[in-house]
Every structure is written in C-alpha cells, then in structure tokens.
Amino acid sequence: MHFTRPRDLVGAGLVGLVLGYLLLQLIYAQLPGLPLFAGVTLGVLALAEFVFAFQLRARIHEGRMVQPLTAARAVALAKASSLLGAIMLGVWLGVLGYLLPRSGDLIAAQDDTPSAVIGLLCAGLLIGAALWLEHCCRTPKDRRQDKRHPSGSDE
C-alpha cells in the first residue's frame, strides 16, 4: 500500500466540485435552506482523527507495542477520510461557486453562503487530520541504522 498522493486528492476534489455545482444548478430552487452547521460533522471527525493520531504517534515514538492490525486500520481510516475530505471540499467549493455569483440576487444564496464556508473549512480540516494520521503511522527510522557507516559496518 502506498501513502496518499496529492493527485488522488485533487482528482477526487475535482469530481466533487463538478458534481456539486451541476447538482445545485439542477435542484437548488427545490432545496430548503442549508443548515448553518451542515459541514460540522467533518470537523468533528477531523478532531477525533487528530486526537487518535497524536495518541498513536506517542505510542510509536515511546517504543510501546502497537498492534499491526491497529496501525493498518488507522492507515485505512486515514486514506478513506482524506478521500472523503477531498470530495467534500470539492462539493463545498462547487456550492460556493454556485452561491457567490447569485448572493446579490437571491436571499437564499446569501443565507446559504456561511454554511458552505463552514463546510469548506471542516472538509479542509478533515484532509489535514487524515494526512497527519497517515503520517503518524509511519515506522520511525531505526536509530541503530543511523550510527552505521555507509558500508554497513558499525562505528
């Protein structure tokens, strides 16, 4: 398994952007107003992942045992969350792209803009938390290898 690549996140974000924008063009008039904290769920998930990442990182750097399955699940959670965050970041960008030009004409668009901004920020936090969790799951370099000469012999 490889670590998350930026191009994967950018691609998912572009798909979310296009789909979000096109969907709003089709059905915005039939939608009720967006709740102000519609995107906060992503922020709560980001907070939980930040806490988990720091706990996992502390265990790894202290040399305490981390079950391989726990680390694998953490990496899977991180990869899925970063992908979800990228998709939702794209969706919220699409929503903002639809709302901002219309906010001068439509009161509903003006009222929904803060919801989209909050969702955008929370999606960005989720991406950051997920990438941090993935980074914290990396195996630290072996200090014994740092003391060896390039030829492989000990000092």
C-alpha atoms as a PDB file:
ATOM      1  CA  MET A   1       0.000   0.000   0.000  1.00  0.00           C
ATOM      2  CA  HIS A   2       1.305   3.465  -0.812  1.00  0.00           C
ATOM      3  CA  PHE A   3       0.655   6.675   1.063  1.00  0.00           C
ATOM      4  CA  THR A   4      -1.941   9.100  -0.204  1.00  0.00           C
ATOM      5  CA  ARG A   5      -0.794  11.038  -3.231  1.00  0.00           C
ATOM      6  CA  PRO A   6      -1.853  14.644  -3.798  1.00  0.00           C
ATOM      7  CA  ARG A   7      -3.052  13.809  -7.312  1.00  0.00           C
ATOM      8  CA  ASP A   8      -5.565  11.328  -5.860  1.00  0.00           C
ATOM      9  CA  LEU A   9      -6.993  14.017  -3.595  1.00  0.00           C
ATOM     10  CA  VAL A  10      -7.053  16.635  -6.359  1.00  0.00           C
ATOM     11  CA  GLY A  11      -8.870  14.235  -8.684  1.00  0.00           C
ATOM     12  CA  ALA A  12     -11.471  13.380  -6.054  1.00  0.00           C
ATOM     13  CA  GLY A  13     -11.906  17.073  -5.249  1.00  0.00           C
ATOM     14  CA  LEU A  14     -12.475  17.939  -8.905  1.00  0.00           C
ATOM     15  CA  VAL A  15     -15.115  15.221  -9.215  1.00  0.00           C
ATOM     16  CA  GLY A  16     -16.851  16.584  -6.109  1.00  0.00           C
ATOM     17  CA  LEU A  17     -16.658  20.140  -7.421  1.00  0.00           C
ATOM     18  CA  VAL A  18     -18.214  19.309 -10.778  1.00  0.00           C
ATOM     19  CA  LEU A  19     -20.934  17.110  -9.295  1.00  0.00           C
ATOM     20  CA  GLY A  20     -21.780  19.594  -6.545  1.00  0.00           C
ATOM     21  CA  TYR A  21     -22.020  22.521  -8.933  1.00  0.00           C
ATOM     22  CA  LEU A  22     -24.083  20.631 -11.516  1.00  0.00           C
ATOM     23  CA  LEU A  23     -26.414  19.217  -8.876  1.00  0.00           C
ATOM     24  CA  LEU A  24     -27.094  22.678  -7.472  1.00  0.00           C
ATOM     25  CA  GLN A  25     -27.814  24.022 -10.936  1.00  0.00           C
ATOM     26  CA  LEU A  26     -30.484  21.351 -11.319  1.00  0.00           C
ATOM     27  CA  ILE A  27     -32.183  21.369  -7.922  1.00  0.00           C
ATOM     28  CA  TYR A  28     -31.224  24.481  -5.910  1.00  0.00           C
ATOM     29  CA  ALA A  29     -34.674  26.036  -6.285  1.00  0.00           C
ATOM     30  CA  GLN A  30     -36.312  22.973  -4.671  1.00  0.00           C
ATOM     31  CA  LEU A  31     -33.862  22.669  -1.763  1.00  0.00           C
ATOM     32  CA  PRO A  32     -34.602  24.028   1.704  1.00  0.00           C
ATOM     33  CA  GLY A  33     -32.024  26.374   3.191  1.00  0.00           C
ATOM     34  CA  LEU A  34     -28.737  24.799   4.210  1.00  0.00           C
ATOM     35  CA  PRO A  35     -28.302  24.391   7.970  1.00  0.00           C
ATOM     36  CA  LEU A  36     -25.545  26.670   9.232  1.00  0.00           C
ATOM     37  CA  PHE A  37     -23.537  23.778  10.645  1.00  0.00           C
ATOM     38  CA  ALA A  38     -24.132  21.298   7.824  1.00  0.00           C
ATOM     39  CA  GLY A  39     -20.433  20.542   7.437  1.00  0.00           C
ATOM     40  CA  VAL A  40     -19.504  20.393  11.116  1.00  0.00           C
ATOM     41  CA  THR A  41     -19.682  16.586  11.134  1.00  0.00           C
ATOM     42  CA  LEU A  42     -16.494  16.585   9.076  1.00  0.00           C
ATOM     43  CA  GLY A  43     -14.887  18.851  11.659  1.00  0.00           C
ATOM     44  CA  VAL A  44     -15.836  16.501  14.486  1.00  0.00           C
ATOM     45  CA  LEU A  45     -14.347  13.583  12.573  1.00  0.00           C
ATOM     46  CA  ALA A  46     -11.198  15.655  11.975  1.00  0.00           C
ATOM     47  CA  LEU A  47     -10.886  16.372  15.696  1.00  0.00           C
ATOM     48  CA  ALA A  48     -11.239  12.675  16.545  1.00  0.00           C
ATOM     49  CA  GLU A  49      -8.567  11.777  13.988  1.00  0.00           C
ATOM     50  CA  PHE A  50      -6.177  14.432  15.310  1.00  0.00           C
ATOM     51  CA  VAL A  51      -6.523  13.032  18.833  1.00  0.00           C
ATOM     52  CA  PHE A  52      -6.076   9.452  17.592  1.00  0.00           C
ATOM     53  CA  ALA A  53      -3.028  10.469  15.535  1.00  0.00           C
ATOM     54  CA  PHE A  54      -1.282  12.107  18.481  1.00  0.00           C
ATOM     55  CA  GLN A  55      -2.002   9.120  20.730  1.00  0.00           C
ATOM     56  CA  LEU A  56      -0.754   6.667  18.121  1.00  0.00           C
ATOM     57  CA  ARG A  57       2.325   8.764  17.407  1.00  0.00           C
ATOM     58  CA  ALA A  58       3.183   8.922  21.104  1.00  0.00           C
ATOM     59  CA  ARG A  59       2.895   5.146  21.426  1.00  0.00           C
ATOM     60  CA  ILE A  60       5.113   4.540  18.397  1.00  0.00           C
ATOM     61  CA  HIS A  61       7.790   7.031  19.452  1.00  0.00           C
ATOM     62  CA  GLU A  62       7.846   5.740  23.040  1.00  0.00           C
ATOM     63  CA  GLY A  63       8.548   2.288  21.679  1.00  0.00           C
ATOM     64  CA  ARG A  64       5.363   0.793  23.092  1.00  0.00           C
ATOM     65  CA  MET A  65       3.783  -2.025  21.161  1.00  0.00           C
ATOM     66  CA  VAL A  66       1.210  -1.064  18.543  1.00  0.00           C
ATOM     67  CA  GLN A  67      -0.722  -3.961  17.120  1.00  0.00           C
ATOM     68  CA  PRO A  68      -0.160  -4.259  13.361  1.00  0.00           C
ATOM     69  CA  LEU A  69      -3.905  -4.506  12.796  1.00  0.00           C
ATOM     70  CA  THR A  70      -4.429  -1.245  14.712  1.00  0.00           C
ATOM     71  CA  ALA A  71      -1.876   0.518  12.527  1.00  0.00           C
ATOM     72  CA  ALA A  72      -3.399  -0.948   9.364  1.00  0.00           C
ATOM     73  CA  ARG A  73      -6.867   0.177  10.423  1.00  0.00           C
ATOM     74  CA  ALA A  74      -5.537   3.643  11.215  1.00  0.00           C
ATOM     75  CA  VAL A  75      -3.977   3.909   7.754  1.00  0.00           C
ATOM     76  CA  ALA A  76      -7.204   2.691   6.135  1.00  0.00           C
ATOM     77  CA  LEU A  77      -9.209   5.234   8.143  1.00  0.00           C
ATOM     78  CA  ALA A  78      -6.774   7.971   7.181  1.00  0.00           C
ATOM     79  CA  LYS A  79      -6.892   7.123   3.483  1.00  0.00           C
ATOM     80  CA  ALA A  80     -10.698   6.946   3.463  1.00  0.00           C
ATOM     81  CA  SER A  81     -11.033  10.168   5.435  1.00  0.00           C
ATOM     82  CA  SER A  82      -8.644  12.110   3.225  1.00  0.00           C
ATOM     83  CA  LEU A  83     -10.569  10.947   0.176  1.00  0.00           C
ATOM     84  CA  LEU A  84     -13.901  11.884   1.777  1.00  0.00           C
ATOM     85  CA  GLY A  85     -12.467  15.243   2.798  1.00  0.00           C
ATOM     86  CA  ALA A  86     -11.240  15.910  -0.738  1.00  0.00           C
ATOM     87  CA  ILE A  87     -14.601  15.001  -2.256  1.00  0.00           C
ATOM     88  CA  MET A  88     -16.475  17.167   0.236  1.00  0.00           C
ATOM     89  CA  LEU A  89     -14.019  20.031  -0.213  1.00  0.00           C
ATOM     90  CA  GLY A  90     -14.809  19.874  -3.915  1.00  0.00           C
ATOM     91  CA  VAL A  91     -18.546  19.723  -3.254  1.00  0.00           C
ATOM     92  CA  TRP A  92     -18.401  22.748  -0.938  1.00  0.00           C
ATOM     93  CA  LEU A  93     -16.293  24.620  -3.497  1.00  0.00           C
ATOM     94  CA  GLY A  94     -18.941  23.785  -6.097  1.00  0.00           C
ATOM     95  CA  VAL A  95     -21.647  25.052  -3.737  1.00  0.00           C
ATOM     96  CA  LEU A  96     -19.717  28.275  -3.182  1.00  0.00           C
ATOM     97  CA  GLY A  97     -19.097  28.586  -6.912  1.00  0.00           C
ATOM     98  CA  TYR A  98     -22.843  28.407  -7.426  1.00  0.00           C
ATOM     99  CA  LEU A  99     -23.855  30.616  -4.492  1.00  0.00           C
ATOM    100  CA  LEU A 100     -21.390  33.505  -4.615  1.00  0.00           C
ATOM    101  CA  PRO A 101     -22.376  34.862  -8.045  1.00  0.00           C
ATOM    102  CA  ARG A 102     -26.049  34.667  -7.028  1.00  0.00           C
ATOM    103  CA  SER A 103     -25.759  36.037  -3.492  1.00  0.00           C
ATOM    104  CA  GLY A 104     -26.504  39.586  -4.673  1.00  0.00           C
ATOM    105  CA  ASP A 105     -29.717  38.471  -6.383  1.00  0.00           C
ATOM    106  CA  LEU A 106     -31.011  35.647  -4.193  1.00  0.00           C
ATOM    107  CA  ILE A 107     -31.518  35.995  -0.456  1.00  0.00           C
ATOM    108  CA  ALA A 108     -31.385  32.194  -0.140  1.00  0.00           C
ATOM    109  CA  ALA A 109     -27.945  32.126  -1.767  1.00  0.00           C
ATOM    110  CA  GLN A 110     -26.746  34.828   0.608  1.00  0.00           C
ATOM    111  CA  ASP A 111     -28.114  32.872   3.593  1.00  0.00           C
ATOM    112  CA  ASP A 112     -26.531  29.588   2.451  1.00  0.00           C
ATOM    113  CA  THR A 113     -23.048  31.013   1.877  1.00  0.00           C
ATOM    114  CA  PRO A 114     -21.906  30.815   5.550  1.00  0.00           C
ATOM    115  CA  SER A 115     -22.933  27.138   5.615  1.00  0.00           C
ATOM    116  CA  ALA A 116     -20.779  26.457   2.577  1.00  0.00           C
ATOM    117  CA  VAL A 117     -17.809  28.285   4.101  1.00  0.00           C
ATOM    118  CA  ILE A 118     -18.089  26.273   7.334  1.00  0.00           C
ATOM    119  CA  GLY A 119     -18.371  23.045   5.336  1.00  0.00           C
ATOM    120  CA  LEU A 120     -15.337  24.015   3.253  1.00  0.00           C
ATOM    121  CA  LEU A 121     -13.237  24.705   6.354  1.00  0.00           C
ATOM    122  CA  CYS A 122     -14.293  21.461   8.050  1.00  0.00           C
ATOM    123  CA  ALA A 123     -13.516  19.442   4.917  1.00  0.00           C
ATOM    124  CA  GLY A 124     -10.063  21.029   4.815  1.00  0.00           C
ATOM    125  CA  LEU A 125      -9.540  20.147   8.480  1.00  0.00           C
ATOM    126  CA  LEU A 126     -10.530  16.552   7.754  1.00  0.00           C
ATOM    127  CA  ILE A 127      -7.975  16.296   4.955  1.00  0.00           C
ATOM    128  CA  GLY A 128      -5.285  17.693   7.237  1.00  0.00           C
ATOM    129  CA  ALA A 129      -6.189  15.377  10.114  1.00  0.00           C
ATOM    130  CA  ALA A 130      -6.295  12.334   7.858  1.00  0.00           C
ATOM    131  CA  LEU A 131      -2.916  13.084   6.310  1.00  0.00           C
ATOM    132  CA  TRP A 132      -1.465  13.661   9.776  1.00  0.00           C
ATOM    133  CA  LEU A 133      -2.871  10.331  10.991  1.00  0.00           C
ATOM    134  CA  GLU A 134      -1.378   8.599   7.962  1.00  0.00           C
ATOM    135  CA  HIS A 135       1.977  10.263   8.646  1.00  0.00           C
ATOM    136  CA  CYS A 136       1.876   9.197  12.304  1.00  0.00           C
ATOM    137  CA  CYS A 137       1.524   5.558  11.243  1.00  0.00           C
ATOM    138  CA  ARG A 138       4.916   5.558   9.531  1.00  0.00           C
ATOM    139  CA  THR A 139       7.574   3.471  11.172  1.00  0.00           C
ATOM    140  CA  PRO A 140      10.266   5.670  12.722  1.00  0.00           C
ATOM    141  CA  LYS A 141      13.804   5.268  11.458  1.00  0.00           C
ATOM    142  CA  ASP A 142      15.876   2.790  13.409  1.00  0.00           C
ATOM    143  CA  ARG A 143      18.389   4.758  15.468  1.00  0.00           C
ATOM    144  CA  ARG A 144      20.874   1.896  15.243  1.00  0.00           C
ATOM    145  CA  GLN A 145      20.999   2.265  11.459  1.00  0.00           C
ATOM    146  CA  ASP A 146      21.889   5.953  11.816  1.00  0.00           C
ATOM    147  CA  LYS A 147      25.105   5.019  13.668  1.00  0.00           C
ATOM    148  CA  ARG A 148      26.379   2.752  10.896  1.00  0.00           C
ATOM    149  CA  HIS A 149      28.764   3.736   8.181  1.00  0.00           C
ATOM    150  CA  PRO A 150      27.523   3.677   4.579  1.00  0.00           C
ATOM    151  CA  SER A 151      29.350   0.388   4.159  1.00  0.00           C
ATOM    152  CA  GLY A 152      27.048  -1.160   6.764  1.00  0.00           C
ATOM    153  CA  SER A 153      29.636  -1.705   9.485  1.00  0.00           C
ATOM    154  CA  ASP A 154      29.267  -0.311  12.994  1.00  0.00           C
ATOM    155  CA  GLU A 155      31.413   2.605  14.132  1.00  0.00           C
END
